[in-house]
PDB file of N, CA and C in Angstrom:
ATOM      1  N   MET A   1      39.144 190.697 -12.388  1.00  0.00           N
ATOM      2  CA  MET A   1      40.092 190.403 -11.357  1.00  0.00           C
ATOM      3  C   MET A   1      39.683 189.158 -10.580  1.00  0.00           C
ATOM      4  N   ARG A   2      38.436 189.100 -10.168  1.00  0.00           N
ATOM      5  CA  ARG A   2      37.977 187.928  -9.407  1.00  0.00           C
ATOM      6  C   ARG A   2      38.164 186.655 -10.224  1.00  0.00           C
ATOM      7  N   ARG A   3      37.835 186.731 -11.485  1.00  0.00           N
ATOM      8  CA  ARG A   3      37.970 185.570 -12.360  1.00  0.00           C
ATOM      9  C   ARG A   3      39.437 185.153 -12.480  1.00  0.00           C
ATOM     10  N   ALA A   4      40.337 186.110 -12.669  1.00  0.00           N
ATOM     11  CA  ALA A   4      41.765 185.805 -12.776  1.00  0.00           C
ATOM     12  C   ALA A   4      42.280 185.160 -11.504  1.00  0.00           C
ATOM     13  N   LEU A   5      41.869 185.679 -10.362  1.00  0.00           N
ATOM     14  CA  LEU A   5      42.292 185.094  -9.086  1.00  0.00           C
ATOM     15  C   LEU A   5      41.722 183.693  -8.892  1.00  0.00           C
ATOM     16  N   ALA A   6      40.482 183.494  -9.297  1.00  0.00           N
ATOM     17  CA  ALA A   6      39.829 182.202  -9.106  1.00  0.00           C
ATOM     18  C   ALA A   6      40.388 181.127 -10.049  1.00  0.00           C
ATOM     19  N   GLU A   7      40.745 181.511 -11.268  1.00  0.00           N
ATOM     20  CA  GLU A   7      41.149 180.533 -12.274  1.00  0.00           C
ATOM     21  C   GLU A   7      42.651 180.277 -12.326  1.00  0.00           C
ATOM     22  N   ASN A   8      43.431 181.002 -11.550  1.00  0.00           N
ATOM     23  CA  ASN A   8      44.883 180.863 -11.612  1.00  0.00           C
ATOM     24  C   ASN A   8      45.459 180.767 -10.206  1.00  0.00           C
ATOM     25  N   ASP A   9      46.746 180.526 -10.149  1.00  0.00           N
ATOM     26  CA  ASP A   9      47.446 180.433  -8.860  1.00  0.00           C
ATOM     27  C   ASP A   9      47.944 181.802  -8.401  1.00  0.00           C
ATOM     28  N   LEU A  10      47.112 182.793  -8.494  1.00  0.00           N
ATOM     29  CA  LEU A  10      47.492 184.139  -8.075  1.00  0.00           C
ATOM     30  C   LEU A  10      47.226 184.296  -6.587  1.00  0.00           C
ATOM     31  N   GLU A  11      48.168 184.909  -5.893  1.00  0.00           N
ATOM     32  CA  GLU A  11      48.026 185.089  -4.454  1.00  0.00           C
ATOM     33  C   GLU A  11      47.541 186.478  -4.079  1.00  0.00           C
ATOM     34  N   ALA A  12      47.659 187.431  -5.003  1.00  0.00           N
ATOM     35  CA  ALA A  12      47.270 188.810  -4.695  1.00  0.00           C
ATOM     36  C   ALA A  12      46.636 189.435  -5.925  1.00  0.00           C
ATOM     37  N   SER A  13      45.835 190.439  -5.677  1.00  0.00           N
ATOM     38  CA  SER A  13      45.207 191.126  -6.798  1.00  0.00           C
ATOM     39  C   SER A  13      46.194 192.085  -7.456  1.00  0.00           C
ATOM     40  N   PHE A  14      45.857 192.543  -8.634  1.00  0.00           N
ATOM     41  CA  PHE A  14      46.711 193.465  -9.369  1.00  0.00           C
ATOM     42  C   PHE A  14      45.834 194.428 -10.151  1.00  0.00           C
ATOM     43  N   THR A  15      46.423 195.506 -10.612  1.00  0.00           N
ATOM     44  CA  THR A  15      45.693 196.511 -11.378  1.00  0.00           C
ATOM     45  C   THR A  15      46.266 196.597 -12.780  1.00  0.00           C
ATOM     46  N   GLN A  16      45.600 197.356 -13.621  1.00  0.00           N
ATOM     47  CA  GLN A  16      46.127 197.562 -14.977  1.00  0.00           C
ATOM     48  C   GLN A  16      47.474 198.279 -14.916  1.00  0.00           C
ATOM     49  N   HIS A  17      47.692 199.081 -13.889  1.00  0.00           N
ATOM     50  CA  HIS A  17      48.968 199.776 -13.736  1.00  0.00           C
ATOM     51  C   HIS A  17      50.086 198.782 -13.433  1.00  0.00           C
ATOM     52  N   ASP A  18      49.771 197.754 -12.660  1.00  0.00           N
ATOM     53  CA  ASP A  18      50.755 196.708 -12.383  1.00  0.00           C
ATOM     54  C   ASP A  18      51.144 195.979 -13.663  1.00  0.00           C
ATOM     55  N   LEU A  19      50.161 195.682 -14.493  1.00  0.00           N
ATOM     56  CA  LEU A  19      50.436 195.000 -15.759  1.00  0.00           C
ATOM     57  C   LEU A  19      51.276 195.869 -16.675  1.00  0.00           C
ATOM     58  N   ARG A  20      50.957 197.140 -16.725  1.00  0.00           N
ATOM     59  CA  ARG A  20      51.708 198.077 -17.558  1.00  0.00           C
ATOM     60  C   ARG A  20      53.162 198.155 -17.086  1.00  0.00           C
ATOM     61  N   ALA A  21      53.365 198.236 -15.786  1.00  0.00           N
ATOM     62  CA  ALA A  21      54.720 198.275 -15.242  1.00  0.00           C
ATOM     63  C   ALA A  21      55.476 196.995 -15.578  1.00  0.00           C
ATOM     64  N   LYS A  22      54.802 195.868 -15.506  1.00  0.00           N
ATOM     65  CA  LYS A  22      55.452 194.590 -15.828  1.00  0.00           C
ATOM     66  C   LYS A  22      55.858 194.524 -17.284  1.00  0.00           C
ATOM     67  N   VAL A  23      54.978 194.968 -18.163  1.00  0.00           N
ATOM     68  CA  VAL A  23      55.300 194.982 -19.595  1.00  0.00           C
ATOM     69  C   VAL A  23      56.527 195.858 -19.847  1.00  0.00           C
ATOM     70  N   GLY A  24      56.534 197.046 -19.248  1.00  0.00           N
ATOM     71  CA  GLY A  24      57.665 197.944 -19.431  1.00  0.00           C
ATOM     72  C   GLY A  24      58.956 197.388 -18.879  1.00  0.00           C
ATOM     73  N   ASN A  25      58.883 196.731 -17.763  1.00  0.00           N
ATOM     74  CA  ASN A  25      60.071 196.181 -17.129  1.00  0.00           C
ATOM     75  C   ASN A  25      60.584 194.938 -17.847  1.00  0.00           C
ATOM     76  N   ASP A  26      59.706 194.124 -18.359  1.00  0.00           N
ATOM     77  CA  ASP A  26      60.107 192.861 -18.978  1.00  0.00           C
ATOM     78  C   ASP A  26      60.515 192.987 -20.437  1.00  0.00           C
ATOM     79  N   ALA A  27      60.323 194.156 -21.032  1.00  0.00           N
ATOM     80  CA  ALA A  27      60.717 194.340 -22.434  1.00  0.00           C
ATOM     81  C   ALA A  27      62.227 194.135 -22.568  1.00  0.00           C
ATOM     82  N   GLU A  28      62.648 193.686 -23.746  1.00  0.00           N
ATOM     83  CA  GLU A  28      64.062 193.348 -23.937  1.00  0.00           C
ATOM     84  C   GLU A  28      65.001 194.549 -23.889  1.00  0.00           C
ATOM     85  N   ASN A  29      64.503 195.748 -24.179  1.00  0.00           N
ATOM     86  CA  ASN A  29      65.335 196.950 -24.084  1.00  0.00           C
ATOM     87  C   ASN A  29      64.448 198.181 -23.920  1.00  0.00           C
ATOM     88  N   ASP A  30      65.077 199.319 -23.675  1.00  0.00           N
ATOM     89  CA  ASP A  30      64.331 200.554 -23.420  1.00  0.00           C
ATOM     90  C   ASP A  30      63.486 200.971 -24.625  1.00  0.00           C
ATOM     91  N   ALA A  31      64.031 200.816 -25.815  1.00  0.00           N
ATOM     92  CA  ALA A  31      63.299 201.217 -27.017  1.00  0.00           C
ATOM     93  C   ALA A  31      62.036 200.377 -27.199  1.00  0.00           C
ATOM     94  N   ARG A  32      62.139 199.087 -26.954  1.00  0.00           N
ATOM     95  CA  ARG A  32      60.965 198.212 -27.077  1.00  0.00           C
ATOM     96  C   ARG A  32      59.937 198.541 -25.999  1.00  0.00           C
ATOM     97  N   ALA A  33      60.386 198.824 -24.798  1.00  0.00           N
ATOM     98  CA  ALA A  33      59.473 199.214 -23.724  1.00  0.00           C
ATOM     99  C   ALA A  33      58.752 200.500 -24.088  1.00  0.00           C
ATOM    100  N   GLN A  34      59.489 201.466 -24.620  1.00  0.00           N
ATOM    101  CA  GLN A  34      58.891 202.730 -25.051  1.00  0.00           C
ATOM    102  C   GLN A  34      57.813 202.484 -26.100  1.00  0.00           C
ATOM    103  N   GLU A  35      58.102 201.624 -27.051  1.00  0.00           N
ATOM    104  CA  GLU A  35      57.138 201.295 -28.108  1.00  0.00           C
ATOM    105  C   GLU A  35      55.887 200.628 -27.534  1.00  0.00           C
ATOM    106  N   LEU A  36      56.070 199.652 -26.672  1.00  0.00           N
ATOM    107  CA  LEU A  36      54.936 198.922 -26.097  1.00  0.00           C
ATOM    108  C   LEU A  36      54.046 199.824 -25.252  1.00  0.00           C
ATOM    109  N   LEU A  37      54.665 200.790 -24.564  1.00  0.00           N
ATOM    110  CA  LEU A  37      53.917 201.662 -23.668  1.00  0.00           C
ATOM    111  C   LEU A  37      53.441 202.942 -24.349  1.00  0.00           C
ATOM    112  N   SER A  38      53.792 203.106 -25.613  1.00  0.00           N
ATOM    113  CA  SER A  38      53.379 204.277 -26.414  1.00  0.00           C
ATOM    114  C   SER A  38      53.839 205.603 -25.816  1.00  0.00           C
ATOM    115  N   HIS A  39      55.076 205.623 -25.321  1.00  0.00           N
ATOM    116  CA  HIS A  39      55.641 206.864 -24.814  1.00  0.00           C
ATOM    117  C   HIS A  39      56.278 207.638 -25.960  1.00  0.00           C
ATOM    118  N   SER A  40      56.223 208.955 -25.886  1.00  0.00           N
ATOM    119  CA  SER A  40      56.826 209.775 -26.936  1.00  0.00           C
ATOM    120  C   SER A  40      58.342 209.829 -26.804  1.00  0.00           C
ATOM    121  N   GLY A  41      58.855 209.639 -25.600  1.00  0.00           N
ATOM    122  CA  GLY A  41      60.298 209.653 -25.386  1.00  0.00           C
ATOM    123  C   GLY A  41      60.722 208.547 -24.455  1.00  0.00           C
ATOM    124  N   VAL A  42      61.952 208.099 -24.631  1.00  0.00           N
ATOM    125  CA  VAL A  42      62.442 206.977 -23.841  1.00  0.00           C
ATOM    126  C   VAL A  42      62.749 207.387 -22.395  1.00  0.00           C
ATOM    127  N   ALA A  43      62.934 208.668 -22.128  1.00  0.00           N
ATOM    128  CA  ALA A  43      63.260 209.124 -20.767  1.00  0.00           C
ATOM    129  C   ALA A  43      62.157 208.763 -19.771  1.00  0.00           C
ATOM    130  N   VAL A  44      60.908 208.950 -20.143  1.00  0.00           N
ATOM    131  CA  VAL A  44      59.778 208.607 -19.262  1.00  0.00           C
ATOM    132  C   VAL A  44      59.763 207.104 -19.008  1.00  0.00           C
ATOM    133  N   THR A  45      59.993 206.343 -20.052  1.00  0.00           N
ATOM    134  CA  THR A  45      60.009 204.887 -19.921  1.00  0.00           C
ATOM    135  C   THR A  45      61.090 204.458 -18.939  1.00  0.00           C
ATOM    136  N   ARG A  46      62.284 204.994 -19.106  1.00  0.00           N
ATOM    137  CA  ARG A  46      63.389 204.630 -18.210  1.00  0.00           C
ATOM    138  C   ARG A  46      63.102 205.027 -16.772  1.00  0.00           C
ATOM    139  N   GLN A  47      62.583 206.212 -16.586  1.00  0.00           N
ATOM    140  CA  GLN A  47      62.372 206.723 -15.232  1.00  0.00           C
ATOM    141  C   GLN A  47      61.293 205.961 -14.469  1.00  0.00           C
ATOM    142  N   HIS A  48      60.212 205.608 -15.145  1.00  0.00           N
ATOM    143  CA  HIS A  48      59.059 205.058 -14.435  1.00  0.00           C
ATOM    144  C   HIS A  48      58.821 203.561 -14.624  1.00  0.00           C
ATOM    145  N   TYR A  49      59.350 202.976 -15.675  1.00  0.00           N
ATOM    146  CA  TYR A  49      58.967 201.596 -15.974  1.00  0.00           C
ATOM    147  C   TYR A  49      60.108 200.596 -16.045  1.00  0.00           C
ATOM    148  N   ARG A  50      61.322 201.033 -16.221  1.00  0.00           N
ATOM    149  CA  ARG A  50      62.442 200.099 -16.293  1.00  0.00           C
ATOM    150  C   ARG A  50      62.977 199.888 -14.891  1.00  0.00           C
ATOM    151  N   ARG A  51      62.656 198.763 -14.286  1.00  0.00           N
ATOM    152  CA  ARG A  51      62.984 198.510 -12.886  1.00  0.00           C
ATOM    153  C   ARG A  51      63.962 197.367 -12.696  1.00  0.00           C
ATOM    154  N   LYS A  52      64.689 197.036 -13.727  1.00  0.00           N
ATOM    155  CA  LYS A  52      65.638 195.934 -13.613  1.00  0.00           C
ATOM    156  C   LYS A  52      66.688 196.264 -12.565  1.00  0.00           C
ATOM    157  N   ASN A  53      66.992 195.292 -11.739  1.00  0.00           N
ATOM    158  CA  ASN A  53      68.035 195.480 -10.742  1.00  0.00           C
ATOM    159  C   ASN A  53      69.390 195.410 -11.425  1.00  0.00           C
ATOM    160  N   LYS A  54      70.293 196.260 -10.983  1.00  0.00           N
ATOM    161  CA  LYS A  54      71.643 196.241 -11.517  1.00  0.00           C
ATOM    162  C   LYS A  54      72.477 195.268 -10.698  1.00  0.00           C
ATOM    163  N   ALA A  55      73.341 194.535 -11.381  1.00  0.00           N
ATOM    164  CA  ALA A  55      74.214 193.585 -10.696  1.00  0.00           C
ATOM    165  C   ALA A  55      75.246 194.366  -9.888  1.00  0.00           C
ATOM    166  N   ILE A  56      75.520 193.880  -8.714  1.00  0.00           N
ATOM    167  CA  ILE A  56      76.538 194.496  -7.870  1.00  0.00           C
ATOM    168  C   ILE A  56      77.539 193.445  -7.457  1.00  0.00           C
ATOM    169  N   ARG A  57      78.725 193.898  -7.106  1.00  0.00           N
ATOM    170  CA  ARG A  57      79.742 192.969  -6.628  1.00  0.00           C
ATOM    171  C   ARG A  57      79.562 192.745  -5.140  1.00  0.00           C
ATOM    172  N   PRO A  58      79.696 191.524  -4.684  1.00  0.00           N
ATOM    173  CA  PRO A  58      79.565 191.273  -3.245  1.00  0.00           C
ATOM    174  C   PRO A  58      80.764 191.845  -2.488  1.00  0.00           C
ATOM    175  N   VAL A  59      80.540 192.215  -1.249  1.00  0.00           N
ATOM    176  CA  VAL A  59      81.640 192.677  -0.406  1.00  0.00           C
ATOM    177  C   VAL A  59      82.439 191.509   0.104  1.00  0.00           C
ATOM    178  N   LYS A  60      83.674 191.766   0.365  1.00  0.00           N
ATOM    179  CA  LYS A  60      84.550 190.668   0.828  1.00  0.00           C
ATOM    180  C   LYS A  60      84.491 190.510   2.310  1.00  0.00           C
TER     181      LYS A  60
END
């Protein structure tokens, strides 16, 4: 962690859990996220790791 912070433009520390969440969230779809995270079912992946914001319509 110290090395990563020192050698890069990182402003805050992170954990392996943060990296895992990022991998799950950045995967192109739920099935790929499930595969990368080695989950037995896609439901766990969707519930805990897929954090994409849904588009909403602006109010008038």
